[in-house]
Amino acid sequence: MAIDRRLFVLGMPALLAGCVTQRTPHVELQMPFGLHYQTMYAAIDTEPFPVPAVDLSRVDPEYLRREVAYATREQPGTIVVDTGERYAYLVMENGRALRYGVGTGREAAFNFQGSAIILRKAEWPRWTPTPTMIAREPERYAKYAGGLAGGPENPLGPRALYLFKDGKDTLYRLHGTTEPETIGTTVSSGCVRLLNQDIIDLYRRVPIGTKVVVMPATPLMS
């Protein structure tokens, strides 16, 4: 199927991803934000653990949640992740989409590409580093080999959507983050991170069985 930046040949091989952070510098933006975004990204105190308000001065406003025009052949309800642009689109009717800013994996070898299905959803999920991650950086990850319970320090944040392909876990997730300033950048080992308020919003909108299409970054993107 011929495609453009938002359409590509599906079925590319899945590679393992680890969903953890490699810190990078950020630039603080001095911009006013309206009540709309202050409310959208306010603290949430109805969860098992507190979800802090997002410091909007530390997030590029282009990556805040909004409805946009979006041309795609994917059916409404599909999630399209553009790793080059660092956006996730929830496709809507009439050429529209709900767009979320994301952080994506820096290393292409650890990034899933292609189409998958959400076969598991979890609130305050447990995180376990992959064997590959532990072998690569044992001093950092070996202590978490048994997993880390959900909570404020868990790198998956308050929600996770688990992607499966051909019935097998790709180890690729859409999830929250402990570092909101990294949204719009390439920082993790491969998974797609969203602001915590955004992953909570996306989580409630998509059911088990939702199709997710992950587009590769072009060579010009970094």
Foldseek 3Di string as FASTA:
>chain_A
DDDDLQDDDFDDDFAAFFLDFDDDDFDFADDDDDPVLQVLQDWDDPDPATAHGDPVRLADVVQAKDKDFADDPDDQQAWEQRQQQQWIWRDDPDRMTIIHFKEFAPDPNNATAGKWFQQDKDFLQWHAGDPVVCVVPVVPHVVQNVIDGGYLPDQQAGMWTFTDDPNHTSNEIEGEGNDQSNGRYHTGRGHIYGHNSVVVVVRVSHDGGHMYGYHDHDPVGD
